[in-house]
N, C-alpha and C. Protein backbone atom coordinates (compact mmCIF):
# COMPACT_ATOMS: atom_id res chain seq x y z
N MET A 1 51.68 -19.11 -18.39
CA MET A 1 50.43 -18.87 -19.07
C MET A 1 49.35 -19.74 -18.38
N HIS A 2 48.18 -19.10 -18.14
CA HIS A 2 47.03 -19.80 -17.54
C HIS A 2 46.26 -20.51 -18.62
N THR A 3 45.98 -21.77 -18.36
CA THR A 3 45.25 -22.53 -19.38
C THR A 3 43.75 -22.57 -19.21
N SER A 4 43.26 -22.21 -18.01
CA SER A 4 41.84 -22.23 -17.82
C SER A 4 41.48 -21.10 -16.81
N PHE A 5 40.23 -20.76 -16.79
CA PHE A 5 39.75 -19.75 -15.87
C PHE A 5 40.07 -20.10 -14.42
N ALA A 6 39.91 -21.33 -14.02
CA ALA A 6 40.19 -21.76 -12.66
C ALA A 6 41.63 -21.57 -12.25
N ASP A 7 42.53 -21.55 -13.22
CA ASP A 7 43.97 -21.36 -12.91
C ASP A 7 44.39 -19.92 -12.70
N ARG A 8 43.47 -19.00 -13.08
CA ARG A 8 43.84 -17.59 -12.94
C ARG A 8 43.87 -17.16 -11.49
N PRO A 9 44.84 -16.25 -11.13
CA PRO A 9 44.92 -15.80 -9.77
C PRO A 9 43.69 -15.12 -9.23
N ASP A 10 42.89 -14.48 -10.16
CA ASP A 10 41.68 -13.75 -9.78
C ASP A 10 40.44 -14.62 -10.04
N ALA A 11 40.58 -15.97 -10.13
CA ALA A 11 39.44 -16.80 -10.47
C ALA A 11 38.27 -16.72 -9.48
N GLY A 12 38.59 -16.50 -8.20
CA GLY A 12 37.55 -16.44 -7.17
C GLY A 12 36.92 -15.06 -7.03
N VAL A 13 37.40 -14.11 -7.78
CA VAL A 13 36.91 -12.74 -7.65
C VAL A 13 36.09 -12.40 -8.88
N LEU A 14 34.81 -12.18 -8.67
CA LEU A 14 33.93 -11.78 -9.74
C LEU A 14 33.48 -10.36 -9.50
N SER A 15 33.60 -9.54 -10.51
CA SER A 15 33.09 -8.15 -10.38
C SER A 15 32.27 -7.87 -11.66
N PHE A 16 31.14 -7.22 -11.47
CA PHE A 16 30.26 -6.89 -12.57
C PHE A 16 30.08 -5.40 -12.60
N ALA A 17 30.39 -4.79 -13.69
CA ALA A 17 30.15 -3.33 -13.83
C ALA A 17 28.67 -3.17 -14.24
N VAL A 18 28.10 -2.03 -13.85
CA VAL A 18 26.74 -1.71 -14.24
C VAL A 18 26.80 -1.49 -15.72
N ARG A 19 25.86 -2.20 -16.43
CA ARG A 19 25.86 -2.05 -17.89
C ARG A 19 25.14 -0.83 -18.38
N GLU A 20 23.99 -0.55 -17.83
CA GLU A 20 23.19 0.63 -18.22
C GLU A 20 22.51 1.25 -17.03
N ILE A 21 22.41 2.59 -17.07
CA ILE A 21 21.77 3.33 -15.97
C ILE A 21 20.62 4.17 -16.60
N LEU A 22 19.48 4.16 -15.96
CA LEU A 22 18.34 4.96 -16.36
C LEU A 22 18.11 6.04 -15.29
N LEU A 23 18.34 7.31 -15.64
CA LEU A 23 18.08 8.41 -14.78
C LEU A 23 16.63 8.85 -15.02
N VAL A 24 15.84 8.93 -13.97
CA VAL A 24 14.41 9.17 -14.13
C VAL A 24 13.95 10.37 -13.33
N ASP A 25 13.21 11.25 -13.98
CA ASP A 25 12.57 12.39 -13.34
C ASP A 25 11.51 11.81 -12.43
N ALA A 26 11.67 11.96 -11.10
CA ALA A 26 10.73 11.42 -10.17
C ALA A 26 9.32 12.04 -10.25
N ALA A 27 9.20 13.20 -10.92
CA ALA A 27 7.90 13.86 -11.02
C ALA A 27 7.12 13.37 -12.25
N LEU A 28 7.59 12.45 -13.04
CA LEU A 28 6.88 12.03 -14.22
C LEU A 28 5.55 11.33 -13.80
N PRO A 29 4.49 11.66 -14.55
CA PRO A 29 3.21 10.93 -14.26
C PRO A 29 3.31 9.49 -14.70
N ASP A 30 2.53 8.64 -14.04
CA ASP A 30 2.47 7.21 -14.37
C ASP A 30 3.85 6.54 -14.36
N LEU A 31 4.65 6.95 -13.41
CA LEU A 31 5.98 6.45 -13.25
C LEU A 31 6.07 4.96 -13.07
N ASP A 32 5.16 4.40 -12.30
CA ASP A 32 5.13 2.94 -12.04
C ASP A 32 5.00 2.19 -13.35
N THR A 33 4.16 2.61 -14.24
CA THR A 33 3.99 1.95 -15.52
C THR A 33 5.25 2.02 -16.37
N LEU A 34 5.81 3.21 -16.40
CA LEU A 34 7.04 3.40 -17.19
C LEU A 34 8.15 2.50 -16.71
N LEU A 35 8.36 2.43 -15.39
CA LEU A 35 9.43 1.61 -14.85
C LEU A 35 9.16 0.12 -14.97
N ARG A 36 7.91 -0.28 -14.94
CA ARG A 36 7.56 -1.68 -15.09
C ARG A 36 7.92 -2.17 -16.49
N LEU A 37 7.93 -1.30 -17.44
CA LEU A 37 8.20 -1.65 -18.84
C LEU A 37 9.68 -1.74 -19.21
N ARG A 38 10.52 -1.31 -18.27
CA ARG A 38 11.99 -1.26 -18.53
C ARG A 38 12.55 -2.69 -18.45
N ARG A 39 13.73 -2.84 -19.02
CA ARG A 39 14.46 -4.12 -18.86
C ARG A 39 14.95 -4.22 -17.45
N ARG A 40 14.95 -5.37 -16.88
CA ARG A 40 15.30 -5.60 -15.48
C ARG A 40 16.84 -5.40 -15.24
N ASP A 41 17.66 -5.51 -16.27
CA ASP A 41 19.07 -5.36 -16.05
C ASP A 41 19.57 -3.92 -16.08
N VAL A 42 18.63 -2.99 -16.20
CA VAL A 42 19.00 -1.55 -16.20
C VAL A 42 18.80 -1.02 -14.78
N GLU A 43 19.87 -0.40 -14.26
CA GLU A 43 19.82 0.24 -12.92
C GLU A 43 19.06 1.52 -13.01
N VAL A 44 18.03 1.71 -12.18
CA VAL A 44 17.23 2.92 -12.14
C VAL A 44 17.72 3.85 -11.02
N ARG A 45 17.92 5.10 -11.35
CA ARG A 45 18.33 6.13 -10.39
C ARG A 45 17.29 7.24 -10.50
N MET A 46 16.56 7.49 -9.43
CA MET A 46 15.53 8.56 -9.41
C MET A 46 16.21 9.90 -9.19
N VAL A 47 15.73 10.97 -9.89
CA VAL A 47 16.17 12.30 -9.69
C VAL A 47 14.97 13.12 -9.19
N GLU A 48 15.07 13.47 -7.89
CA GLU A 48 13.95 14.24 -7.29
C GLU A 48 13.96 15.67 -7.78
N SER A 49 12.82 16.36 -7.60
CA SER A 49 12.68 17.70 -8.19
C SER A 49 13.69 18.70 -7.62
N GLY A 50 14.16 18.56 -6.40
CA GLY A 50 15.13 19.48 -5.87
C GLY A 50 16.57 19.06 -6.05
N ALA A 51 16.79 17.96 -6.67
CA ALA A 51 18.15 17.40 -6.89
C ALA A 51 18.87 18.10 -8.00
N ASP A 52 20.15 17.95 -8.02
CA ASP A 52 21.03 18.52 -9.08
C ASP A 52 21.07 17.47 -10.22
N GLY A 53 20.36 17.77 -11.30
CA GLY A 53 20.33 16.84 -12.43
C GLY A 53 21.67 16.62 -13.08
N LEU A 54 22.48 17.71 -13.15
CA LEU A 54 23.81 17.53 -13.76
C LEU A 54 24.69 16.62 -12.85
N ALA A 55 24.58 16.78 -11.54
CA ALA A 55 25.35 15.91 -10.66
C ALA A 55 24.88 14.45 -10.81
N ALA A 56 23.60 14.22 -11.05
CA ALA A 56 23.12 12.88 -11.28
C ALA A 56 23.73 12.22 -12.51
N ILE A 57 23.84 13.06 -13.58
CA ILE A 57 24.48 12.58 -14.81
C ILE A 57 25.95 12.26 -14.54
N GLU A 58 26.63 13.18 -13.90
CA GLU A 58 28.07 12.97 -13.61
C GLU A 58 28.25 11.67 -12.77
N ALA A 59 27.43 11.50 -11.78
CA ALA A 59 27.55 10.30 -10.95
C ALA A 59 27.26 9.03 -11.77
N ALA A 60 26.30 9.07 -12.67
CA ALA A 60 26.01 7.93 -13.53
C ALA A 60 27.19 7.59 -14.36
N TYR A 61 27.79 8.58 -15.00
CA TYR A 61 28.97 8.29 -15.86
C TYR A 61 30.21 7.88 -15.08
N ALA A 62 30.27 8.23 -13.84
CA ALA A 62 31.41 7.84 -12.98
C ALA A 62 31.37 6.31 -12.77
N ALA A 63 30.22 5.68 -12.88
CA ALA A 63 30.08 4.24 -12.78
C ALA A 63 30.55 3.53 -14.02
N ARG A 64 30.90 4.26 -15.05
CA ARG A 64 31.37 3.75 -16.33
C ARG A 64 30.52 2.74 -16.95
N PRO A 65 29.17 3.03 -17.10
CA PRO A 65 28.25 2.11 -17.69
C PRO A 65 28.38 2.11 -19.23
N ALA A 66 27.80 1.16 -19.88
CA ALA A 66 27.78 1.09 -21.36
C ALA A 66 26.89 2.21 -21.87
N ALA A 67 25.85 2.56 -21.12
CA ALA A 67 24.92 3.61 -21.59
C ALA A 67 24.25 4.26 -20.36
N VAL A 68 23.93 5.52 -20.59
CA VAL A 68 23.12 6.26 -19.57
C VAL A 68 21.89 6.77 -20.35
N HIS A 69 20.70 6.44 -19.85
CA HIS A 69 19.45 6.85 -20.44
C HIS A 69 18.83 7.87 -19.52
N VAL A 70 18.06 8.84 -20.09
CA VAL A 70 17.38 9.85 -19.31
C VAL A 70 15.88 9.79 -19.68
N LEU A 71 15.07 9.71 -18.65
CA LEU A 71 13.62 9.70 -18.85
C LEU A 71 13.09 10.91 -18.12
N ALA A 72 12.72 11.98 -18.84
CA ALA A 72 12.32 13.24 -18.25
C ALA A 72 11.43 14.04 -19.18
N HIS A 73 10.84 15.10 -18.63
CA HIS A 73 10.07 16.02 -19.47
C HIS A 73 11.06 16.85 -20.33
N GLY A 74 10.62 17.34 -21.42
CA GLY A 74 11.52 18.20 -22.21
C GLY A 74 10.82 18.78 -23.38
N GLU A 75 11.55 19.51 -24.17
CA GLU A 75 11.07 20.13 -25.40
C GLU A 75 12.33 20.22 -26.32
N PRO A 76 12.15 20.51 -27.56
CA PRO A 76 13.34 20.55 -28.45
C PRO A 76 14.45 21.41 -27.83
N GLY A 77 15.60 20.78 -27.68
CA GLY A 77 16.77 21.50 -27.22
C GLY A 77 16.96 21.63 -25.71
N ARG A 78 16.00 21.14 -24.91
CA ARG A 78 16.15 21.19 -23.49
C ARG A 78 15.33 20.12 -22.74
N SER A 79 15.78 19.81 -21.58
CA SER A 79 15.03 18.90 -20.71
C SER A 79 14.81 19.53 -19.41
N GLY A 80 13.76 19.15 -18.72
CA GLY A 80 13.48 19.75 -17.45
C GLY A 80 13.36 18.65 -16.37
N TRP A 81 14.36 18.55 -15.52
CA TRP A 81 14.39 17.58 -14.44
C TRP A 81 15.39 18.00 -13.39
N GLY A 82 15.11 17.66 -12.17
CA GLY A 82 15.95 18.07 -11.08
C GLY A 82 15.87 19.58 -10.94
N ALA A 83 16.80 20.15 -10.19
CA ALA A 83 16.84 21.58 -9.98
C ALA A 83 17.72 22.32 -10.99
N THR A 84 18.37 21.60 -11.88
CA THR A 84 19.29 22.26 -12.84
C THR A 84 18.85 21.96 -14.23
């Protein structure tokens, strides 16, 4: 049994998972202001207008974050970002 962190075999290996990811529609107006207001510990991933939005979501979840947020245009029942 290991009695302290320093005694653990992996004590010198630190790995940090991404906690939260923000997927952002790159075409949003006033994007600089919106991003400036976010928490600094949230990873931002831009989704360009020609990109596959569903692939962006899939890639975000593949990183196994605690949360995935989406900042995009939309209306009830749908969002419009990327090419999909």
